[in-house]
Amino acid sequence: MNGPGSSDPGPREGDAILEGLAEIARDELGFSGPLHPEQNLVRDLELDSIRLLTLAMAVEDRFRICLDEDDEAGIDTVSDLVSIVESKLAESG
C-alpha cells in the first residue's frame, strides 16, 4: 500500500538532481561518460574556469537557484554540487 503515511519515500531528491546534472554535463559541457558523486569537477570532468562558470549558470537555470561565491568555493565534487543544490532548493521551498 503506497498512500499517505506510506514508508516508501519514492525516488530521492539527490538522485533527481544527479540526473539533472548529468543532463547538463552532456548538453552544456559535452561530457559523454557517466556522472558519479565522487567525481572531482576539475580533475575527473576536466572543467576549466570557463566550463565551471558554464556549469554554474546552467545549474542555476535548471534548478532555479542562485549560487553565491561561498557556495561555489565549497564545491569540488559532483556530490558537493548535489548537496548545495539540495540545500538551495530546501531554502526556497
PDB file of N, CA and C in Angstrom:
ATOM      1  N   MET A   1       0.825  -1.185   0.000  1.00  0.00           N
ATOM      2  CA  MET A   1       0.000   0.000   0.000  1.00  0.00           C
ATOM      3  C   MET A   1       0.868   1.246   0.000  1.00  0.00           C
ATOM      4  N   ASN A   2       0.785   1.989  -1.016  1.00  0.00           N
ATOM      5  CA  ASN A   2       1.524   3.239  -1.100  1.00  0.00           C
ATOM      6  C   ASN A   2       0.541   4.392  -1.094  1.00  0.00           C
ATOM      7  N   GLY A   3       0.319   4.962   0.036  1.00  0.00           N
ATOM      8  CA  GLY A   3      -0.576   6.098   0.161  1.00  0.00           C
ATOM      9  C   GLY A   3      -0.007   7.032   1.187  1.00  0.00           C
ATOM     10  N   PRO A   4      -0.806   7.963   1.651  1.00  0.00           N
ATOM     11  CA  PRO A   4      -0.332   8.855   2.706  1.00  0.00           C
ATOM     12  C   PRO A   4       0.114   8.049   3.915  1.00  0.00           C
ATOM     13  N   GLY A   5       1.241   8.402   4.455  1.00  0.00           N
ATOM     14  CA  GLY A   5       1.775   7.700   5.608  1.00  0.00           C
ATOM     15  C   GLY A   5       2.593   6.479   5.234  1.00  0.00           C
ATOM     16  N   SER A   6       2.716   6.185   3.948  1.00  0.00           N
ATOM     17  CA  SER A   6       3.499   5.054   3.489  1.00  0.00           C
ATOM     18  C   SER A   6       4.963   5.289   3.826  1.00  0.00           C
ATOM     19  N   SER A   7       5.679   4.202   4.106  1.00  0.00           N
ATOM     20  CA  SER A   7       7.092   4.346   4.454  1.00  0.00           C
ATOM     21  C   SER A   7       7.982   4.400   3.225  1.00  0.00           C
ATOM     22  N   ASP A   8       7.440   4.207   2.034  1.00  0.00           N
ATOM     23  CA  ASP A   8       8.212   4.278   0.803  1.00  0.00           C
ATOM     24  C   ASP A   8       8.335   5.733   0.363  1.00  0.00           C
ATOM     25  N   PRO A   9       9.541   6.327   0.492  1.00  0.00           N
ATOM     26  CA  PRO A   9       9.681   7.747   0.170  1.00  0.00           C
ATOM     27  C   PRO A   9       9.738   8.045  -1.317  1.00  0.00           C
ATOM     28  N   GLY A  10       9.832   7.038  -2.168  1.00  0.00           N
ATOM     29  CA  GLY A  10       9.953   7.280  -3.602  1.00  0.00           C
ATOM     30  C   GLY A  10      11.383   7.648  -3.944  1.00  0.00           C
ATOM     31  N   PRO A  11      11.612   8.130  -5.150  1.00  0.00           N
ATOM     32  CA  PRO A  11      12.975   8.481  -5.561  1.00  0.00           C
ATOM     33  C   PRO A  11      13.542   9.600  -4.698  1.00  0.00           C
ATOM     34  N   ARG A  12      14.803   9.479  -4.378  1.00  0.00           N
ATOM     35  CA  ARG A  12      15.461  10.506  -3.584  1.00  0.00           C
ATOM     36  C   ARG A  12      15.650  11.760  -4.419  1.00  0.00           C
ATOM     37  N   GLU A  13      15.521  12.910  -3.763  1.00  0.00           N
ATOM     38  CA  GLU A  13      15.723  14.181  -4.456  1.00  0.00           C
ATOM     39  C   GLU A  13      17.143  14.270  -5.006  1.00  0.00           C
ATOM     40  N   GLY A  14      18.115  13.754  -4.252  1.00  0.00           N
ATOM     41  CA  GLY A  14      19.504  13.781  -4.706  1.00  0.00           C
ATOM     42  C   GLY A  14      19.712  13.038  -6.006  1.00  0.00           C
ATOM     43  N   ASP A  15      18.962  11.941  -6.189  1.00  0.00           N
ATOM     44  CA  ASP A  15      19.065  11.183  -7.437  1.00  0.00           C
ATOM     45  C   ASP A  15      18.539  12.001  -8.613  1.00  0.00           C
ATOM     46  N   ALA A  16      17.444  12.712  -8.398  1.00  0.00           N
ATOM     47  CA  ALA A  16      16.880  13.556  -9.448  1.00  0.00           C
ATOM     48  C   ALA A  16      17.841  14.694  -9.788  1.00  0.00           C
ATOM     49  N   ILE A  17      18.482  15.246  -8.770  1.00  0.00           N
ATOM     50  CA  ILE A  17      19.462  16.315  -9.001  1.00  0.00           C
ATOM     51  C   ILE A  17      20.645  15.766  -9.784  1.00  0.00           C
ATOM     52  N   LEU A  18      21.129  14.587  -9.409  1.00  0.00           N
ATOM     53  CA  LEU A  18      22.255  13.971 -10.122  1.00  0.00           C
ATOM     54  C   LEU A  18      21.893  13.733 -11.587  1.00  0.00           C
ATOM     55  N   GLU A  19      20.670  13.277 -11.849  1.00  0.00           N
ATOM     56  CA  GLU A  19      20.232  13.090 -13.233  1.00  0.00           C
ATOM     57  C   GLU A  19      20.220  14.422 -13.986  1.00  0.00           C
ATOM     58  N   GLY A  20      19.750  15.476 -13.330  1.00  0.00           N
ATOM     59  CA  GLY A  20      19.743  16.800 -13.947  1.00  0.00           C
ATOM     60  C   GLY A  20      21.150  17.288 -14.248  1.00  0.00           C
ATOM     61  N   LEU A  21      22.067  17.029 -13.321  1.00  0.00           N
ATOM     62  CA  LEU A  21      23.469  17.431 -13.525  1.00  0.00           C
ATOM     63  C   LEU A  21      24.094  16.648 -14.671  1.00  0.00           C
ATOM     64  N   ALA A  22      23.751  15.375 -14.782  1.00  0.00           N
ATOM     65  CA  ALA A  22      24.278  14.562 -15.883  1.00  0.00           C
ATOM     66  C   ALA A  22      23.791  15.105 -17.227  1.00  0.00           C
ATOM     67  N   GLU A  23      22.523  15.525 -17.252  1.00  0.00           N
ATOM     68  CA  GLU A  23      21.979  16.106 -18.480  1.00  0.00           C
ATOM     69  C   GLU A  23      22.690  17.417 -18.819  1.00  0.00           C
ATOM     70  N   ILE A  24      22.937  18.246 -17.814  1.00  0.00           N
ATOM     71  CA  ILE A  24      23.671  19.498 -18.036  1.00  0.00           C
ATOM     72  C   ILE A  24      25.074  19.191 -18.550  1.00  0.00           C
ATOM     73  N   ALA A  25      25.737  18.210 -17.939  1.00  0.00           N
ATOM     74  CA  ALA A  25      27.105  17.850 -18.348  1.00  0.00           C
ATOM     75  C   ALA A  25      27.133  17.420 -19.816  1.00  0.00           C
ATOM     76  N   ARG A  26      26.128  16.658 -20.224  1.00  0.00           N
ATOM     77  CA  ARG A  26      26.057  16.222 -21.633  1.00  0.00           C
ATOM     78  C   ARG A  26      25.753  17.383 -22.563  1.00  0.00           C
ATOM     79  N   ASP A  27      24.689  18.129 -22.234  1.00  0.00           N
ATOM     80  CA  ASP A  27      24.193  19.154 -23.150  1.00  0.00           C
ATOM     81  C   ASP A  27      25.055  20.407 -23.205  1.00  0.00           C
ATOM     82  N   GLU A  28      25.543  20.849 -22.068  1.00  0.00           N
ATOM     83  CA  GLU A  28      26.271  22.119 -21.995  1.00  0.00           C
ATOM     84  C   GLU A  28      27.790  21.958 -22.059  1.00  0.00           C
ATOM     85  N   LEU A  29      28.297  20.791 -21.604  1.00  0.00           N
ATOM     86  CA  LEU A  29      29.743  20.631 -21.487  1.00  0.00           C
ATOM     87  C   LEU A  29      30.304  19.545 -22.398  1.00  0.00           C
ATOM     88  N   GLY A  30      29.431  18.820 -23.094  1.00  0.00           N
ATOM     89  CA  GLY A  30      29.895  17.775 -23.994  1.00  0.00           C
ATOM     90  C   GLY A  30      30.473  16.569 -23.287  1.00  0.00           C
ATOM     91  N   PHE A  31      30.128  16.375 -22.014  1.00  0.00           N
ATOM     92  CA  PHE A  31      30.632  15.237 -21.246  1.00  0.00           C
ATOM     93  C   PHE A  31      29.825  14.010 -21.625  1.00  0.00           C
ATOM     94  N   SER A  32      30.499  12.942 -22.040  1.00  0.00           N
ATOM     95  CA  SER A  32      29.775  11.785 -22.563  1.00  0.00           C
ATOM     96  C   SER A  32      29.741  10.593 -21.614  1.00  0.00           C
ATOM     97  N   GLY A  33      30.536  10.599 -20.563  1.00  0.00           N
ATOM     98  CA  GLY A  33      30.566   9.455 -19.662  1.00  0.00           C
ATOM     99  C   GLY A  33      29.517   9.540 -18.578  1.00  0.00           C
ATOM    100  N   PRO A  34      29.447   8.507 -17.753  1.00  0.00           N
ATOM    101  CA  PRO A  34      28.515   8.534 -16.623  1.00  0.00           C
ATOM    102  C   PRO A  34      28.995   9.527 -15.568  1.00  0.00           C
ATOM    103  N   LEU A  35      28.063  10.079 -14.830  1.00  0.00           N
ATOM    104  CA  LEU A  35      28.378  11.042 -13.778  1.00  0.00           C
ATOM    105  C   LEU A  35      28.206  10.339 -12.433  1.00  0.00           C
ATOM    106  N   HIS A  36      29.254  10.380 -11.602  1.00  0.00           N
ATOM    107  CA  HIS A  36      29.240   9.724 -10.291  1.00  0.00           C
ATOM    108  C   HIS A  36      29.501  10.758  -9.200  1.00  0.00           C
ATOM    109  N   PRO A  37      28.875  10.589  -8.032  1.00  0.00           N
ATOM    110  CA  PRO A  37      29.019  11.572  -6.946  1.00  0.00           C
ATOM    111  C   PRO A  37      30.462  11.862  -6.545  1.00  0.00           C
ATOM    112  N   GLU A  38      31.328  10.870  -6.608  1.00  0.00           N
ATOM    113  CA  GLU A  38      32.700  11.061  -6.136  1.00  0.00           C
ATOM    114  C   GLU A  38      33.618  11.753  -7.145  1.00  0.00           C
ATOM    115  N   GLN A  39      33.141  12.011  -8.345  1.00  0.00           N
ATOM    116  CA  GLN A  39      33.991  12.627  -9.368  1.00  0.00           C
ATOM    117  C   GLN A  39      34.313  14.073  -9.016  1.00  0.00           C
ATOM    118  N   ASN A  40      35.584  14.419  -9.204  1.00  0.00           N
ATOM    119  CA  ASN A  40      36.053  15.778  -8.995  1.00  0.00           C
ATOM    120  C   ASN A  40      35.779  16.573 -10.266  1.00  0.00           C
ATOM    121  N   LEU A  41      35.206  17.766 -10.099  1.00  0.00           N
ATOM    122  CA  LEU A  41      34.806  18.566 -11.268  1.00  0.00           C
ATOM    123  C   LEU A  41      35.990  18.979 -12.129  1.00  0.00           C
ATOM    124  N   VAL A  42      37.100  19.326 -11.507  1.00  0.00           N
ATOM    125  CA  VAL A  42      38.264  19.788 -12.271  1.00  0.00           C
ATOM    126  C   VAL A  42      39.096  18.612 -12.762  1.00  0.00           C
ATOM    127  N   ARG A  43      39.439  17.714 -11.864  1.00  0.00           N
ATOM    128  CA  ARG A  43      40.338  16.617 -12.216  1.00  0.00           C
ATOM    129  C   ARG A  43      39.643  15.565 -13.088  1.00  0.00           C
ATOM    130  N   ASP A  44      38.478  15.081 -12.669  1.00  0.00           N
ATOM    131  CA  ASP A  44      37.836  13.978 -13.374  1.00  0.00           C
ATOM    132  C   ASP A  44      37.013  14.423 -14.579  1.00  0.00           C
ATOM    133  N   LEU A  45      36.316  15.546 -14.439  1.00  0.00           N
ATOM    134  CA  LEU A  45      35.490  16.033 -15.544  1.00  0.00           C
ATOM    135  C   LEU A  45      36.233  17.030 -16.422  1.00  0.00           C
ATOM    136  N   GLU A  46      37.454  17.401 -15.989  1.00  0.00           N
ATOM    137  CA  GLU A  46      38.343  18.279 -16.751  1.00  0.00           C
ATOM    138  C   GLU A  46      37.703  19.625 -17.077  1.00  0.00           C
ATOM    139  N   LEU A  47      37.056  20.217 -16.057  1.00  0.00           N
ATOM    140  CA  LEU A  47      36.422  21.523 -16.245  1.00  0.00           C
ATOM    141  C   LEU A  47      37.401  22.634 -15.892  1.00  0.00           C
ATOM    142  N   ASP A  48      37.629  23.534 -16.836  1.00  0.00           N
ATOM    143  CA  ASP A  48      38.442  24.720 -16.571  1.00  0.00           C
ATOM    144  C   ASP A  48      37.527  25.811 -16.030  1.00  0.00           C
ATOM    145  N   SER A  49      38.050  26.991 -15.791  1.00  0.00           N
ATOM    146  CA  SER A  49      37.261  28.053 -15.168  1.00  0.00           C
ATOM    147  C   SER A  49      36.050  28.458 -16.015  1.00  0.00           C
ATOM    148  N   ILE A  50      36.200  28.483 -17.322  1.00  0.00           N
ATOM    149  CA  ILE A  50      35.083  28.845 -18.199  1.00  0.00           C
ATOM    150  C   ILE A  50      34.000  27.771 -18.150  1.00  0.00           C
ATOM    151  N   ARG A  51      34.410  26.524 -18.190  1.00  0.00           N
ATOM    152  CA  ARG A  51      33.429  25.433 -18.152  1.00  0.00           C
ATOM    153  C   ARG A  51      32.773  25.328 -16.777  1.00  0.00           C
ATOM    154  N   LEU A  52      33.506  25.660 -15.707  1.00  0.00           N
ATOM    155  CA  LEU A  52      32.894  25.689 -14.372  1.00  0.00           C
ATOM    156  C   LEU A  52      31.835  26.778 -14.303  1.00  0.00           C
ATOM    157  N   LEU A  53      32.112  27.924 -14.898  1.00  0.00           N
ATOM    158  CA  LEU A  53      31.141  29.014 -14.944  1.00  0.00           C
ATOM    159  C   LEU A  53      29.911  28.603 -15.759  1.00  0.00           C
ATOM    160  N   THR A  54      30.131  27.937 -16.875  1.00  0.00           N
ATOM    161  CA  THR A  54      29.032  27.429 -17.688  1.00  0.00           C
ATOM    162  C   THR A  54      28.177  26.463 -16.881  1.00  0.00           C
ATOM    163  N   LEU A  55      28.834  25.575 -16.136  1.00  0.00           N
ATOM    164  CA  LEU A  55      28.120  24.625 -15.285  1.00  0.00           C
ATOM    165  C   LEU A  55      27.299  25.354 -14.230  1.00  0.00           C
ATOM    166  N   ALA A  56      27.896  26.325 -13.560  1.00  0.00           N
ATOM    167  CA  ALA A  56      27.190  27.068 -12.515  1.00  0.00           C
ATOM    168  C   ALA A  56      25.955  27.773 -13.077  1.00  0.00           C
ATOM    169  N   MET A  57      26.102  28.398 -14.226  1.00  0.00           N
ATOM    170  CA  MET A  57      24.971  29.110 -14.832  1.00  0.00           C
ATOM    171  C   MET A  57      23.865  28.137 -15.245  1.00  0.00           C
ATOM    172  N   ALA A  58      24.242  26.997 -15.796  1.00  0.00           N
ATOM    173  CA  ALA A  58      23.259  26.005 -16.225  1.00  0.00           C
ATOM    174  C   ALA A  58      22.539  25.399 -15.021  1.00  0.00           C
ATOM    175  N   VAL A  59      23.269  25.187 -13.927  1.00  0.00           N
ATOM    176  CA  VAL A  59      22.658  24.653 -12.698  1.00  0.00           C
ATOM    177  C   VAL A  59      21.657  25.661 -12.142  1.00  0.00           C
ATOM    178  N   GLU A  60      22.045  26.931 -12.110  1.00  0.00           N
ATOM    179  CA  GLU A  60      21.127  27.974 -11.621  1.00  0.00           C
ATOM    180  C   GLU A  60      19.859  28.020 -12.471  1.00  0.00           C
ATOM    181  N   ASP A  61      20.004  27.942 -13.791  1.00  0.00           N
ATOM    182  CA  ASP A  61      18.852  27.998 -14.689  1.00  0.00           C
ATOM    183  C   ASP A  61      17.957  26.772 -14.529  1.00  0.00           C
ATOM    184  N   ARG A  62      18.557  25.615 -14.499  1.00  0.00           N
ATOM    185  CA  ARG A  62      17.759  24.372 -14.449  1.00  0.00           C
ATOM    186  C   ARG A  62      17.005  24.228 -13.129  1.00  0.00           C
ATOM    187  N   PHE A  63      17.691  24.522 -12.020  1.00  0.00           N
ATOM    188  CA  PHE A  63      17.087  24.287 -10.713  1.00  0.00           C
ATOM    189  C   PHE A  63      16.471  25.553 -10.108  1.00  0.00           C
ATOM    190  N   ARG A  64      16.589  26.675 -10.829  1.00  0.00           N
ATOM    191  CA  ARG A  64      16.026  27.954 -10.377  1.00  0.00           C
ATOM    192  C   ARG A  64      16.529  28.336  -8.984  1.00  0.00           C
ATOM    193  N   ILE A  65      17.855  28.290  -8.861  1.00  0.00           N
ATOM    194  CA  ILE A  65      18.521  28.672  -7.614  1.00  0.00           C
ATOM    195  C   ILE A  65      19.586  29.701  -7.936  1.00  0.00           C
ATOM    196  N   CYS A  66      20.159  30.289  -6.903  1.00  0.00           N
ATOM    197  CA  CYS A  66      21.254  31.239  -7.074  1.00  0.00           C
ATOM    198  C   CYS A  66      22.439  30.771  -6.242  1.00  0.00           C
ATOM    199  N   LEU A  67      23.538  30.470  -6.908  1.00  0.00           N
ATOM    200  CA  LEU A  67      24.762  30.078  -6.219  1.00  0.00           C
ATOM    201  C   LEU A  67      25.580  31.328  -5.938  1.00  0.00           C
ATOM    202  N   ASP A  68      26.073  31.458  -4.708  1.00  0.00           N
ATOM    203  CA  ASP A  68      26.944  32.594  -4.422  1.00  0.00           C
ATOM    204  C   ASP A  68      28.390  32.112  -4.333  1.00  0.00           C
ATOM    205  N   GLU A  69      29.312  33.040  -4.164  1.00  0.00           N
ATOM    206  CA  GLU A  69      30.739  32.700  -4.164  1.00  0.00           C
ATOM    207  C   GLU A  69      31.093  31.698  -3.077  1.00  0.00           C
ATOM    208  N   ASP A  70      30.469  31.827  -1.908  1.00  0.00           N
ATOM    209  CA  ASP A  70      30.749  30.883  -0.820  1.00  0.00           C
ATOM    210  C   ASP A  70      30.322  29.474  -1.202  1.00  0.00           C
ATOM    211  N   ASP A  71      29.175  29.357  -1.863  1.00  0.00           N
ATOM    212  CA  ASP A  71      28.718  28.047  -2.327  1.00  0.00           C
ATOM    213  C   ASP A  71      29.723  27.464  -3.309  1.00  0.00           C
ATOM    214  N   GLU A  72      30.090  28.248  -4.285  1.00  0.00           N
ATOM    215  CA  GLU A  72      30.980  27.778  -5.338  1.00  0.00           C
ATOM    216  C   GLU A  72      32.351  27.388  -4.796  1.00  0.00           C
ATOM    217  N   ALA A  73      32.832  28.091  -3.782  1.00  0.00           N
ATOM    218  CA  ALA A  73      34.142  27.795  -3.209  1.00  0.00           C
ATOM    219  C   ALA A  73      34.166  26.421  -2.538  1.00  0.00           C
ATOM    220  N   GLY A  74      33.015  25.956  -2.077  1.00  0.00           N
ATOM    221  CA  GLY A  74      32.955  24.676  -1.379  1.00  0.00           C
ATOM    222  C   GLY A  74      32.631  23.492  -2.268  1.00  0.00           C
ATOM    223  N   ILE A  75      32.599  23.698  -3.565  1.00  0.00           N
ATOM    224  CA  ILE A  75      32.226  22.628  -4.492  1.00  0.00           C
ATOM    225  C   ILE A  75      33.468  22.084  -5.190  1.00  0.00           C
ATOM    226  N   ASP A  76      33.809  20.836  -4.862  1.00  0.00           N
ATOM    227  CA  ASP A  76      34.921  20.160  -5.524  1.00  0.00           C
ATOM    228  C   ASP A  76      34.449  18.952  -6.324  1.00  0.00           C
ATOM    229  N   THR A  77      33.424  18.267  -5.792  1.00  0.00           N
ATOM    230  CA  THR A  77      32.964  17.033  -6.412  1.00  0.00           C
ATOM    231  C   THR A  77      31.509  17.165  -6.866  1.00  0.00           C
ATOM    232  N   VAL A  78      31.079  16.204  -7.641  1.00  0.00           N
ATOM    233  CA  VAL A  78      29.681  16.143  -8.074  1.00  0.00           C
ATOM    234  C   VAL A  78      28.783  16.057  -6.839  1.00  0.00           C
ATOM    235  N   SER A  79      29.194  15.282  -5.842  1.00  0.00           N
ATOM    236  CA  SER A  79      28.424  15.142  -4.604  1.00  0.00           C
ATOM    237  C   SER A  79      28.280  16.477  -3.884  1.00  0.00           C
ATOM    238  N   ASP A  80      29.352  17.274  -3.858  1.00  0.00           N
ATOM    239  CA  ASP A  80      29.287  18.606  -3.247  1.00  0.00           C
ATOM    240  C   ASP A  80      28.235  19.458  -3.954  1.00  0.00           C
ATOM    241  N   LEU A  81      28.211  19.384  -5.276  1.00  0.00           N
ATOM    242  CA  LEU A  81      27.266  20.170  -6.061  1.00  0.00           C
ATOM    243  C   LEU A  81      25.834  19.713  -5.796  1.00  0.00           C
ATOM    244  N   VAL A  82      25.623  18.403  -5.727  1.00  0.00           N
ATOM    245  CA  VAL A  82      24.292  17.872  -5.409  1.00  0.00           C
ATOM    246  C   VAL A  82      23.835  18.393  -4.052  1.00  0.00           C
ATOM    247  N   SER A  83      24.730  18.364  -3.062  1.00  0.00           N
ATOM    248  CA  SER A  83      24.385  18.825  -1.707  1.00  0.00           C
ATOM    249  C   SER A  83      24.014  20.300  -1.684  1.00  0.00           C
ATOM    250  N   ILE A  84      24.767  21.122  -2.407  1.00  0.00           N
ATOM    251  CA  ILE A  84      24.477  22.556  -2.454  1.00  0.00           C
ATOM    252  C   ILE A  84      23.119  22.800  -3.119  1.00  0.00           C
ATOM    253  N   VAL A  85      22.857  22.100  -4.214  1.00  0.00           N
ATOM    254  CA  VAL A  85      21.579  22.265  -4.903  1.00  0.00           C
ATOM    255  C   VAL A  85      20.431  21.836  -3.979  1.00  0.00           C
ATOM    256  N   GLU A  86      20.592  20.693  -3.293  1.00  0.00           N
ATOM    257  CA  GLU A  86      19.565  20.243  -2.338  1.00  0.00           C
ATOM    258  C   GLU A  86      19.308  21.301  -1.282  1.00  0.00           C
ATOM    259  N   SER A  87      20.387  21.865  -0.754  1.00  0.00           N
ATOM    260  CA  SER A  87      20.272  22.884   0.291  1.00  0.00           C
ATOM    261  C   SER A  87      19.550  24.128  -0.223  1.00  0.00           C
ATOM    262  N   LYS A  88      19.910  24.578  -1.410  1.00  0.00           N
ATOM    263  CA  LYS A  88      19.285  25.762  -2.005  1.00  0.00           C
ATOM    264  C   LYS A  88      17.806  25.524  -2.281  1.00  0.00           C
ATOM    265  N   LEU A  89      17.472  24.338  -2.759  1.00  0.00           N
ATOM    266  CA  LEU A  89      16.075  24.007  -3.028  1.00  0.00           C
ATOM    267  C   LEU A  89      15.265  23.961  -1.739  1.00  0.00           C
ATOM    268  N   ALA A  90      15.867  23.448  -0.674  1.00  0.00           N
ATOM    269  CA  ALA A  90      15.188  23.391   0.618  1.00  0.00           C
ATOM    270  C   ALA A  90      14.939  24.801   1.163  1.00  0.00           C
ATOM    271  N   GLU A  91      15.904  25.698   0.963  1.00  0.00           N
ATOM    272  CA  GLU A  91      15.769  27.088   1.412  1.00  0.00           C
ATOM    273  C   GLU A  91      14.625  27.778   0.686  1.00  0.00           C
ATOM    274  N   SER A  92      14.475  27.502  -0.601  1.00  0.00           N
ATOM    275  CA  SER A  92      13.481  28.196  -1.405  1.00  0.00           C
ATOM    276  C   SER A  92      12.111  27.532  -1.343  1.00  0.00           C
ATOM    277  N   GLY A  93      12.081  26.286  -0.881  1.00  0.00           N
ATOM    278  CA  GLY A  93      10.834  25.538  -0.937  1.00  0.00           C
ATOM    279  C   GLY A  93      10.025  25.628   0.275  1.00  0.00           C
TER     280      GLY A  93
END
